[in-house]
Amino acid sequence: MTSPLPTVKTAAETAAHADVTSPANASGRPVSRVRRHLPTSPWLFAAPGLLVVAVFILYPFVSTVVNSFTDRRTLIAGEFVGLANFRELLHDDMFWTGLRNSVLYMVGVVPALVLLPLLLALLVQKNIPGITFFRSAFYTPVVASIVVVGLIWVWMLDERGLVNSLLEAVGIGKVGFLSDQWLLLLSAMAVTVWKGLGYYMIIYLAALANVPRELHEAASVDGAGAVRRFFTVTVPAVRSTMVLVAALSSVAAFKVFSEVYLMAGPNGGPAGEDTTLVMLVQRTGTGLTGRVGYASAISVVVFVVTVALMLLVLRADRKEDA
């Protein structure tokens, strides 16, 4: 006697069975278990990133704001002092020196980083033989370590460095690039501009690739030269990118630390006259006797100023659009 053949369910029977066994929603339609658990899936994927943001960004930010209202030190928890740290800032000459240098640094660096990378992008925009080499060469300082770059410039601008040796050879004499207050600040600005040219050049190259060629051709037909086409076609087409570069470079310049620290030293140059706000935070809040609460108050001021800069740039861009 032969054994009975196994029963094979058709697709319709399987669907009917699923409809019977699946839970029903308010409309009476069955809802599968997979679909019922889908809303939690995005949070599972985002959980690692959210955890990193919470631990390394959100918690330090909240901790800094809380510490700014205390007299906490490195080894002492401290007590709540209200606005005492912020009132002390108003009478701290070193704070105003740091604020002055940070603002001057931003004013000197931002215009150069908005205009020079655009001109550089126009030079390397065309696809001609060998242009890839120049693009890579201009971008090399971006991937180089800021410590290495700073040390190279220090060796070049030192009294016995390459630049002063050349100046002395042509009869000009040595220049105190690293000993004069203002020359040191200008030298650090030059390092920042030199290192940031390639980065912002790439941003401009992406923007220039979206500019219609017909606009330049039409302007050429109307008799516009290269300079006129730059101001009437190129600049309006990449204006939003220029605003983005201005915002990014403003925040980075106001929070400058590495360039000035490497070239001026931990004391901020002669008598600390080249100290920036971020250098003041590092100097005040570190060490066994570091004033963490006071340094946190300076950090809060830096945060407020950078947010204000971003809002001003965005507001100016909206007014221009209007």
Foldseek 3Di string as FASTA:
>chain_A
DDDDDDDDDDPVRVVVVCQVPADADPVRGGDDPVNVPVVCVVCVVCVVVVVCCVPPPVVVLVVLVVLLQFQDAPPRRTDGNGCPLVVVLVVDPLNVLQQVLLVVLLVVQLVLLLPVLLVVLVVLLDDDPPSVVVLCVQQVLQPDDLLVLLVVLLQQLPQPHVVQVVCVVVPNHHDCCLADQVSVSVSLSVSVSSSSSSVLNVLSSVQVVPQDPVLVVVCVVVPDDPVRCCVPGVCVSCVVSSLVSSLVSSLCSSLDDSNQCSRQPLCRHDNNSNHHLNSVLVVQRDDNGHRSNSSSNSVVVSVVVSVVSNVVSVVVVVVVVD
